[in-house]
Amino acid sequence: MGGLTAGRWLAAGAALSLSLSCVGPAGRTFVTGQIQPRQIRFVTIVEAQPEEAGGWRAACIHIRISRENTGEAILCKFGLETPLHTKDGPVSTSLAQRIAADRINEASHSLFRTASLESPLGMLCESLKATLRTTVPASIGGSKVPTLCHAKSSPVQFGAINL
């Protein structure tokens, strides 16, 4: 069974407990835990002008995905970028954090619960990013989920997703 150990907790306070555990002979997996909004560390890239749409913030996410039975592991890396102010009004950092965490948690639970012990780790990561490229901008107009993190954002590595 997969689980998190103290050695897997990285990035001071990044207490993500997303994990997949093998259950039963069918090799099915399930996801437990979630990213907390405060764990998404946005930095302002471009300040917003008062009463105008614009401004930009970015965060860098690294999630370790591993296969416990073989030790195979990858680091699923991606950026999160959101405007500070949309045509509908300002987007506070706390709102952006909550929405980003919610979308990551939803996508992780949806995608990884259908994974098997044989699922290619790289494809799981790419599927997660592809899902987020749709769901994050649908929640905050103008948002992006780039493959590379913005140079000014610092990576936050979250626990592990274990198959």
N, C-alpha and C. Protein backbone atom coordinates (compact mmCIF):
# COMPACT_ATOMS: atom_id res chain seq x y z
N MET A 1 0.84 -1.18 0.00
CA MET A 1 0.00 0.00 0.00
C MET A 1 0.88 1.24 0.00
N GLY A 2 0.50 2.23 -0.75
CA GLY A 2 1.26 3.48 -0.81
C GLY A 2 0.91 4.36 0.36
N GLY A 3 1.82 5.18 0.72
CA GLY A 3 1.56 6.11 1.80
C GLY A 3 2.68 7.11 1.86
N LEU A 4 2.50 8.12 2.64
CA LEU A 4 3.51 9.16 2.76
C LEU A 4 4.34 8.92 4.00
N THR A 5 5.63 9.17 3.89
CA THR A 5 6.51 9.07 5.03
C THR A 5 7.10 10.44 5.28
N ALA A 6 7.66 10.63 6.47
CA ALA A 6 8.22 11.94 6.82
C ALA A 6 9.28 12.37 5.82
N GLY A 7 10.02 11.43 5.25
CA GLY A 7 11.06 11.77 4.29
C GLY A 7 10.53 12.32 2.98
N ARG A 8 9.27 12.11 2.70
CA ARG A 8 8.70 12.59 1.45
C ARG A 8 8.12 13.99 1.57
N TRP A 9 8.01 14.52 2.75
CA TRP A 9 7.46 15.87 2.91
C TRP A 9 8.56 16.86 2.59
N LEU A 10 8.37 17.60 1.54
CA LEU A 10 9.38 18.55 1.12
C LEU A 10 8.78 19.94 1.09
N ALA A 11 9.63 20.93 0.93
CA ALA A 11 9.24 22.32 0.77
C ALA A 11 8.45 22.82 1.96
N ALA A 12 9.12 22.98 3.06
CA ALA A 12 8.58 23.51 4.32
C ALA A 12 7.10 23.75 4.33
N GLY A 13 6.40 22.85 4.94
CA GLY A 13 4.97 23.01 5.11
C GLY A 13 4.14 22.53 3.94
N ALA A 14 4.75 21.99 2.91
CA ALA A 14 3.96 21.50 1.79
C ALA A 14 3.45 20.11 2.14
N ALA A 15 2.36 20.08 2.84
CA ALA A 15 1.84 18.83 3.40
C ALA A 15 0.83 18.17 2.49
N LEU A 16 1.14 18.05 1.23
CA LEU A 16 0.25 17.38 0.31
C LEU A 16 0.24 15.90 0.64
N SER A 17 -0.93 15.34 0.75
CA SER A 17 -0.98 13.91 0.99
C SER A 17 -1.73 13.19 -0.11
N LEU A 18 -1.57 13.68 -1.34
CA LEU A 18 -2.13 12.94 -2.46
C LEU A 18 -1.32 11.66 -2.58
N SER A 19 -1.99 10.56 -2.52
CA SER A 19 -1.28 9.31 -2.74
C SER A 19 -2.22 8.31 -3.36
N LEU A 20 -1.67 7.43 -4.16
CA LEU A 20 -2.45 6.36 -4.74
C LEU A 20 -1.97 5.08 -4.10
N SER A 21 -2.90 4.26 -3.74
CA SER A 21 -2.53 3.00 -3.10
C SER A 21 -3.17 1.86 -3.87
N CYS A 22 -2.45 0.79 -3.93
CA CYS A 22 -2.95 -0.40 -4.60
C CYS A 22 -3.97 -1.09 -3.69
N VAL A 23 -5.11 -1.44 -4.23
CA VAL A 23 -6.11 -2.17 -3.45
C VAL A 23 -6.62 -3.34 -4.27
N GLY A 24 -6.57 -4.51 -3.69
CA GLY A 24 -7.14 -5.67 -4.35
C GLY A 24 -6.32 -6.19 -5.51
N PRO A 25 -6.69 -7.35 -6.02
CA PRO A 25 -5.94 -8.01 -7.08
C PRO A 25 -6.06 -7.33 -8.44
N ALA A 26 -7.05 -6.47 -8.62
CA ALA A 26 -7.22 -5.83 -9.91
C ALA A 26 -6.21 -4.72 -10.15
N GLY A 27 -5.41 -4.37 -9.13
CA GLY A 27 -4.41 -3.33 -9.30
C GLY A 27 -5.02 -1.96 -9.41
N ARG A 28 -6.21 -1.78 -8.92
CA ARG A 28 -6.84 -0.46 -8.93
C ARG A 28 -6.15 0.46 -7.94
N THR A 29 -6.31 1.76 -8.14
CA THR A 29 -5.72 2.73 -7.24
C THR A 29 -6.79 3.67 -6.73
N PHE A 30 -6.48 4.37 -5.65
CA PHE A 30 -7.37 5.41 -5.16
C PHE A 30 -6.53 6.55 -4.64
N VAL A 31 -7.14 7.72 -4.57
CA VAL A 31 -6.43 8.93 -4.18
C VAL A 31 -6.96 9.41 -2.85
N THR A 32 -6.05 9.76 -1.96
CA THR A 32 -6.43 10.34 -0.68
C THR A 32 -5.69 11.65 -0.51
N GLY A 33 -6.24 12.53 0.30
CA GLY A 33 -5.56 13.78 0.60
C GLY A 33 -5.78 14.84 -0.45
N GLN A 34 -5.21 16.01 -0.18
CA GLN A 34 -5.37 17.12 -1.11
C GLN A 34 -4.35 18.22 -0.85
N ILE A 35 -4.13 19.04 -1.86
CA ILE A 35 -3.28 20.23 -1.74
C ILE A 35 -4.12 21.29 -1.03
N GLN A 36 -3.53 21.96 -0.09
CA GLN A 36 -4.19 23.06 0.59
C GLN A 36 -3.89 24.35 -0.16
N PRO A 37 -4.87 25.27 -0.26
CA PRO A 37 -4.64 26.52 -1.01
C PRO A 37 -3.38 27.26 -0.57
N ARG A 38 -3.09 27.32 0.71
CA ARG A 38 -1.93 28.07 1.19
C ARG A 38 -0.61 27.50 0.68
N GLN A 39 -0.64 26.29 0.18
CA GLN A 39 0.57 25.66 -0.34
C GLN A 39 0.93 26.15 -1.75
N ILE A 40 0.00 26.76 -2.45
CA ILE A 40 0.26 27.31 -3.77
C ILE A 40 0.89 28.68 -3.54
N ARG A 41 2.16 28.82 -3.88
CA ARG A 41 2.90 30.06 -3.59
C ARG A 41 3.05 30.92 -4.84
N PHE A 42 2.09 31.81 -5.01
CA PHE A 42 2.14 32.73 -6.14
C PHE A 42 3.08 33.88 -5.86
N VAL A 43 3.76 34.35 -6.92
CA VAL A 43 4.54 35.58 -6.86
C VAL A 43 3.99 36.50 -7.95
N THR A 44 3.97 37.78 -7.66
CA THR A 44 3.50 38.75 -8.63
C THR A 44 4.58 39.00 -9.66
N ILE A 45 4.21 38.86 -10.92
CA ILE A 45 5.13 39.05 -12.03
C ILE A 45 4.96 40.46 -12.60
N VAL A 46 3.70 40.87 -12.78
CA VAL A 46 3.37 42.19 -13.31
C VAL A 46 2.26 42.76 -12.43
N GLU A 47 2.47 43.94 -11.90
CA GLU A 47 1.46 44.59 -11.07
C GLU A 47 0.26 45.00 -11.93
N ALA A 48 -0.91 44.99 -11.34
CA ALA A 48 -2.13 45.42 -12.04
C ALA A 48 -2.29 46.92 -11.89
N GLN A 49 -2.84 47.54 -12.91
CA GLN A 49 -3.18 48.96 -12.84
C GLN A 49 -4.55 49.08 -12.18
N PRO A 50 -4.75 50.06 -11.33
CA PRO A 50 -6.05 50.21 -10.66
C PRO A 50 -7.21 50.25 -11.66
N GLU A 51 -8.22 49.47 -11.37
CA GLU A 51 -9.47 49.44 -12.14
C GLU A 51 -9.31 48.95 -13.58
N GLU A 52 -8.18 48.34 -13.91
CA GLU A 52 -7.97 47.81 -15.25
C GLU A 52 -7.66 46.32 -15.18
N ALA A 53 -8.17 45.58 -16.16
CA ALA A 53 -7.82 44.17 -16.25
C ALA A 53 -6.33 44.06 -16.54
N GLY A 54 -5.68 43.11 -15.91
CA GLY A 54 -4.26 42.90 -16.14
C GLY A 54 -3.54 42.47 -14.89
N GLY A 55 -2.24 42.63 -14.93
CA GLY A 55 -1.40 42.12 -13.85
C GLY A 55 -1.26 40.61 -13.99
N TRP A 56 -0.25 40.06 -13.34
CA TRP A 56 0.03 38.64 -13.53
C TRP A 56 0.73 38.08 -12.31
N ARG A 57 0.34 36.85 -11.94
CA ARG A 57 1.02 36.12 -10.86
C ARG A 57 1.34 34.71 -11.35
N ALA A 58 2.37 34.12 -10.77
CA ALA A 58 2.78 32.78 -11.19
C ALA A 58 3.18 31.94 -9.99
N ALA A 59 2.97 30.64 -10.13
CA ALA A 59 3.41 29.65 -9.13
C ALA A 59 4.03 28.48 -9.89
N CYS A 60 4.85 27.73 -9.20
CA CYS A 60 5.53 26.57 -9.80
C CYS A 60 5.23 25.35 -8.96
N ILE A 61 4.70 24.32 -9.59
CA ILE A 61 4.27 23.11 -8.89
C ILE A 61 5.09 21.91 -9.37
N HIS A 62 5.57 21.13 -8.44
CA HIS A 62 6.25 19.86 -8.73
C HIS A 62 5.56 18.79 -7.88
N ILE A 63 5.04 17.76 -8.53
CA ILE A 63 4.41 16.65 -7.82
C ILE A 63 5.17 15.39 -8.19
N ARG A 64 5.64 14.69 -7.18
CA ARG A 64 6.38 13.44 -7.41
C ARG A 64 5.37 12.32 -7.62
N ILE A 65 5.50 11.62 -8.74
CA ILE A 65 4.66 10.46 -9.05
C ILE A 65 5.58 9.25 -9.10
N SER A 66 5.27 8.24 -8.30
CA SER A 66 6.17 7.08 -8.27
C SER A 66 5.39 5.78 -8.28
N ARG A 67 6.10 4.75 -8.69
CA ARG A 67 5.56 3.40 -8.71
C ARG A 67 6.30 2.62 -7.62
N GLU A 68 5.62 2.35 -6.53
CA GLU A 68 6.29 1.75 -5.38
C GLU A 68 6.86 0.37 -5.65
N ASN A 69 6.21 -0.42 -6.50
CA ASN A 69 6.70 -1.79 -6.70
C ASN A 69 8.01 -1.85 -7.49
N THR A 70 8.35 -0.77 -8.23
CA THR A 70 9.59 -0.77 -9.00
C THR A 70 10.55 0.34 -8.60
N GLY A 71 10.06 1.33 -7.87
CA GLY A 71 10.88 2.48 -7.51
C GLY A 71 10.94 3.55 -8.60
N GLU A 72 10.33 3.28 -9.76
CA GLU A 72 10.29 4.26 -10.84
C GLU A 72 9.58 5.52 -10.35
N ALA A 73 10.11 6.68 -10.71
CA ALA A 73 9.49 7.95 -10.27
C ALA A 73 9.78 9.04 -11.28
N ILE A 74 8.85 10.00 -11.35
CA ILE A 74 9.05 11.20 -12.14
C ILE A 74 8.61 12.39 -11.31
N LEU A 75 9.08 13.55 -11.69
CA LEU A 75 8.63 14.79 -11.07
C LEU A 75 7.76 15.50 -12.11
N CYS A 76 6.47 15.59 -11.83
CA CYS A 76 5.53 16.24 -12.74
C CYS A 76 5.60 17.74 -12.45
N LYS A 77 6.15 18.50 -13.39
CA LYS A 77 6.40 19.93 -13.20
C LYS A 77 5.50 20.75 -14.11
N PHE A 78 4.94 21.81 -13.55
CA PHE A 78 4.17 22.74 -14.35
C PHE A 78 4.01 24.06 -13.62
N GLY A 79 3.68 25.08 -14.38
CA GLY A 79 3.43 26.38 -13.80
C GLY A 79 1.94 26.64 -13.70
N LEU A 80 1.60 27.61 -12.88
CA LEU A 80 0.23 28.12 -12.78
C LEU A 80 0.35 29.62 -12.88
N GLU A 81 -0.37 30.22 -13.81
CA GLU A 81 -0.32 31.67 -13.98
C GLU A 81 -1.73 32.21 -14.06
N THR A 82 -2.00 33.26 -13.28
CA THR A 82 -3.34 33.86 -13.27
C THR A 82 -3.23 35.38 -13.32
N PRO A 83 -4.24 36.03 -13.89
CA PRO A 83 -4.25 37.49 -13.86
C PRO A 83 -4.57 37.98 -12.45
N LEU A 84 -4.13 39.20 -12.15
CA LEU A 84 -4.47 39.82 -10.86
C LEU A 84 -5.84 40.48 -10.92
N HIS A 85 -6.23 40.86 -12.13
CA HIS A 85 -7.50 41.57 -12.30
C HIS A 85 -8.07 41.16 -13.65
N THR A 86 -9.29 40.63 -13.67
CA THR A 86 -9.95 40.27 -14.93
C THR A 86 -10.99 41.33 -15.26
N LYS A 87 -11.67 41.18 -16.37
CA LYS A 87 -12.74 42.12 -16.73
C LYS A 87 -13.87 42.09 -15.70
N ASP A 88 -13.95 41.00 -14.93
CA ASP A 88 -14.98 40.87 -13.89
C ASP A 88 -14.55 41.43 -12.55
N GLY A 89 -13.29 41.85 -12.44
CA GLY A 89 -12.81 42.42 -11.20
C GLY A 89 -11.52 41.79 -10.72
N PRO A 90 -11.05 42.21 -9.54
CA PRO A 90 -9.79 41.68 -9.01
C PRO A 90 -9.90 40.21 -8.61
N VAL A 91 -8.77 39.53 -8.74
CA VAL A 91 -8.66 38.13 -8.31
C VAL A 91 -7.62 38.12 -7.20
N SER A 92 -8.07 37.98 -5.97
CA SER A 92 -7.14 37.99 -4.84
C SER A 92 -6.23 36.77 -4.89
N THR A 93 -5.10 36.88 -4.24
CA THR A 93 -4.18 35.74 -4.17
C THR A 93 -4.85 34.55 -3.51
N SER A 94 -5.60 34.80 -2.43
CA SER A 94 -6.25 33.68 -1.73
C SER A 94 -7.29 33.00 -2.62
N LEU A 95 -8.00 33.77 -3.44
CA LEU A 95 -8.96 33.16 -4.37
C LEU A 95 -8.22 32.34 -5.43
N ALA A 96 -7.16 32.90 -5.99
CA ALA A 96 -6.36 32.18 -6.99
C ALA A 96 -5.79 30.89 -6.39
N GLN A 97 -5.31 30.95 -5.15
CA GLN A 97 -4.78 29.76 -4.48
C GLN A 97 -5.87 28.70 -4.31
N ARG A 98 -7.04 29.13 -3.85
CA ARG A 98 -8.13 28.18 -3.62
C ARG A 98 -8.56 27.52 -4.92
N ILE A 99 -8.73 28.31 -5.97
CA ILE A 99 -9.15 27.75 -7.24
C ILE A 99 -8.08 26.80 -7.80
N ALA A 100 -6.82 27.21 -7.75
CA ALA A 100 -5.74 26.35 -8.25
C ALA A 100 -5.69 25.03 -7.48
N ALA A 101 -5.75 25.10 -6.16
CA ALA A 101 -5.72 23.88 -5.34
C ALA A 101 -6.92 23.00 -5.66
N ASP A 102 -8.10 23.60 -5.77
CA ASP A 102 -9.30 22.82 -6.09
C ASP A 102 -9.17 22.12 -7.43
N ARG A 103 -8.70 22.83 -8.45
CA ARG A 103 -8.58 22.22 -9.78
C ARG A 103 -7.54 21.10 -9.78
N ILE A 104 -6.39 21.31 -9.10
CA ILE A 104 -5.37 20.26 -9.04
C ILE A 104 -5.92 19.04 -8.32
N ASN A 105 -6.60 19.25 -7.20
CA ASN A 105 -7.16 18.14 -6.44
C ASN A 105 -8.20 17.37 -7.25
N GLU A 106 -9.10 18.10 -7.90
CA GLU A 106 -10.13 17.45 -8.71
C GLU A 106 -9.51 16.64 -9.84
N ALA A 107 -8.56 17.24 -10.55
CA ALA A 107 -7.93 16.54 -11.66
C ALA A 107 -7.15 15.32 -11.18
N SER A 108 -6.42 15.47 -10.07
CA SER A 108 -5.64 14.35 -9.54
C SER A 108 -6.55 13.20 -9.14
N HIS A 109 -7.60 13.51 -8.42
CA HIS A 109 -8.51 12.46 -7.97
C HIS A 109 -9.17 11.78 -9.17
N SER A 110 -9.57 12.54 -10.15
CA SER A 110 -10.23 11.98 -11.32
C SER A 110 -9.28 11.11 -12.15
N LEU A 111 -8.10 11.63 -12.45
CA LEU A 111 -7.17 10.92 -13.31
C LEU A 111 -6.49 9.74 -12.64
N PHE A 112 -6.01 9.95 -11.42
CA PHE A 112 -5.18 8.92 -10.80
C PHE A 112 -5.98 7.78 -10.20
N ARG A 113 -7.26 7.99 -9.91
CA ARG A 113 -8.03 6.87 -9.37
C ARG A 113 -8.30 5.82 -10.44
N THR A 114 -8.18 6.20 -11.72
CA THR A 114 -8.37 5.22 -12.79
C THR A 114 -7.04 4.64 -13.26
N ALA A 115 -5.94 5.08 -12.66
CA ALA A 115 -4.62 4.58 -13.06
C ALA A 115 -4.44 3.15 -12.55
N SER A 116 -3.57 2.44 -13.21
CA SER A 116 -3.22 1.09 -12.76
C SER A 116 -1.73 1.06 -12.44
N LEU A 117 -1.28 -0.05 -11.92
CA LEU A 117 0.14 -0.19 -11.62
C LEU A 117 0.99 -0.14 -12.88
N GLU A 118 0.38 -0.35 -14.04
CA GLU A 118 1.11 -0.34 -15.31
C GLU A 118 1.00 1.01 -16.04
N SER A 119 0.22 1.94 -15.53
CA SER A 119 0.04 3.23 -16.21
C SER A 119 1.38 3.94 -16.35
N PRO A 120 1.70 4.43 -17.57
CA PRO A 120 2.95 5.16 -17.77
C PRO A 120 2.94 6.47 -16.97
N LEU A 121 3.94 6.67 -16.13
CA LEU A 121 3.98 7.82 -15.25
C LEU A 121 4.01 9.13 -16.02
N GLY A 122 4.79 9.19 -17.06
CA GLY A 122 4.86 10.41 -17.86
C GLY A 122 3.52 10.77 -18.48
N MET A 123 2.79 9.78 -18.93
CA MET A 123 1.47 10.04 -19.52
C MET A 123 0.48 10.51 -18.46
N LEU A 124 0.60 10.00 -17.24
CA LEU A 124 -0.26 10.47 -16.15
C LEU A 124 0.00 11.95 -15.88
N CYS A 125 1.26 12.32 -15.86
CA CYS A 125 1.63 13.72 -15.65
C CYS A 125 1.08 14.59 -16.78
N GLU A 126 1.26 14.17 -18.01
CA GLU A 126 0.78 14.96 -19.15
C GLU A 126 -0.75 15.06 -19.14
N SER A 127 -1.43 14.01 -18.73
CA SER A 127 -2.89 14.05 -18.63
C SER A 127 -3.33 15.03 -17.56
N LEU A 128 -2.61 15.07 -16.46
CA LEU A 128 -2.92 16.03 -15.39
C LEU A 128 -2.78 17.46 -15.91
N LYS A 129 -1.67 17.74 -16.58
CA LYS A 129 -1.45 19.09 -17.11
C LYS A 129 -2.49 19.45 -18.17
N ALA A 130 -2.84 18.51 -19.03
CA ALA A 130 -3.84 18.77 -20.07
C ALA A 130 -5.19 19.10 -19.45
N THR A 131 -5.55 18.38 -18.42
CA THR A 131 -6.82 18.65 -17.74
C THR A 131 -6.79 20.03 -17.10
N LEU A 132 -5.68 20.37 -16.45
CA LEU A 132 -5.57 21.68 -15.80
C LEU A 132 -5.58 22.82 -16.81
N ARG A 133 -5.06 22.58 -18.02
CA ARG A 133 -5.06 23.62 -19.06
C ARG A 133 -6.48 23.99 -19.50
N THR A 134 -7.42 23.12 -19.21
CA THR A 134 -8.83 23.40 -19.50
C THR A 134 -9.55 23.96 -18.28
N THR A 135 -9.35 23.31 -17.13
CA THR A 135 -10.15 23.66 -15.95
C THR A 135 -9.72 24.94 -15.26
N VAL A 136 -8.43 25.23 -15.21
CA VAL A 136 -7.98 26.46 -14.53
C VAL A 136 -8.44 27.71 -15.30
N PRO A 137 -8.23 27.80 -16.62
CA PRO A 137 -8.73 28.97 -17.34
C PRO A 137 -10.26 29.09 -17.32
N ALA A 138 -10.96 27.96 -17.23
CA ALA A 138 -12.42 28.01 -17.14
C ALA A 138 -12.86 28.63 -15.82
N SER A 139 -12.02 28.52 -14.80
CA SER A 139 -12.34 29.05 -13.48
C SER A 139 -11.87 30.49 -13.29
N ILE A 140 -10.72 30.82 -13.86
CA ILE A 140 -10.20 32.19 -13.82
C ILE A 140 -9.79 32.54 -15.24
N GLY A 141 -10.61 33.34 -15.90
CA GLY A 141 -10.36 33.71 -17.28
C GLY A 141 -8.96 34.28 -17.48
N GLY A 142 -8.29 33.82 -18.52
CA GLY A 142 -6.96 34.31 -18.83
C GLY A 142 -5.84 33.54 -18.16
N SER A 143 -6.18 32.59 -17.30
CA SER A 143 -5.15 31.79 -16.62
C SER A 143 -4.47 30.84 -17.59
N LYS A 144 -3.26 30.41 -17.21
CA LYS A 144 -2.48 29.48 -18.03
C LYS A 144 -1.86 28.42 -17.14
N VAL A 145 -1.59 27.28 -17.75
CA VAL A 145 -0.85 26.20 -17.08
C VAL A 145 0.28 25.81 -18.02
N PRO A 146 1.37 26.59 -17.98
CA PRO A 146 2.50 26.30 -18.88
C PRO A 146 3.30 25.09 -18.40
N THR A 147 3.97 24.45 -19.35
CA THR A 147 4.83 23.32 -19.01
C THR A 147 6.01 23.78 -18.16
N LEU A 148 6.56 24.94 -18.49
CA LEU A 148 7.69 25.48 -17.74
C LEU A 148 7.21 26.53 -16.74
N CYS A 149 7.83 26.54 -15.59
CA CYS A 149 7.50 27.53 -14.57
C CYS A 149 8.14 28.87 -14.92
N HIS A 150 7.49 29.94 -14.52
CA HIS A 150 8.05 31.28 -14.71
C HIS A 150 9.35 31.38 -13.92
N ALA A 151 10.33 32.06 -14.46
CA ALA A 151 11.65 32.18 -13.82
C ALA A 151 11.60 32.80 -12.43
N LYS A 152 10.62 33.66 -12.17
CA LYS A 152 10.53 34.31 -10.86
C LYS A 152 9.81 33.46 -9.81
N SER A 153 9.17 32.38 -10.24
CA SER A 153 8.45 31.53 -9.28
C SER A 153 9.38 30.45 -8.74
N SER A 154 9.19 30.12 -7.48
CA SER A 154 10.00 29.08 -6.84
C SER A 154 9.22 27.78 -6.80
N PRO A 155 9.85 26.68 -7.21
CA PRO A 155 9.14 25.41 -7.19
C PRO A 155 8.75 24.99 -5.77
N VAL A 156 7.55 24.47 -5.66
CA VAL A 156 7.09 23.85 -4.42
C VAL A 156 6.84 22.39 -4.77
N GLN A 157 7.58 21.51 -4.11
CA GLN A 157 7.40 20.08 -4.39
C GLN A 157 6.45 19.51 -3.35
N PHE A 158 5.42 18.88 -3.86
CA PHE A 158 4.43 18.25 -3.01
C PHE A 158 4.75 16.80 -2.84
N GLY A 159 4.35 16.25 -1.72
CA GLY A 159 4.49 14.84 -1.38
C GLY A 159 4.60 13.96 -2.59
N ALA A 160 4.00 12.82 -2.55
CA ALA A 160 4.14 11.89 -3.65
C ALA A 160 2.79 11.28 -4.00
N ILE A 161 2.62 11.01 -5.27
CA ILE A 161 1.51 10.19 -5.73
C ILE A 161 2.15 8.85 -6.01
N ASN A 162 1.74 7.85 -5.29
CA ASN A 162 2.36 6.53 -5.38
C ASN A 162 1.42 5.53 -6.04
N LEU A 163 1.91 4.82 -7.04
CA LEU A 163 1.16 3.73 -7.65
C LEU A 163 1.66 2.43 -7.07
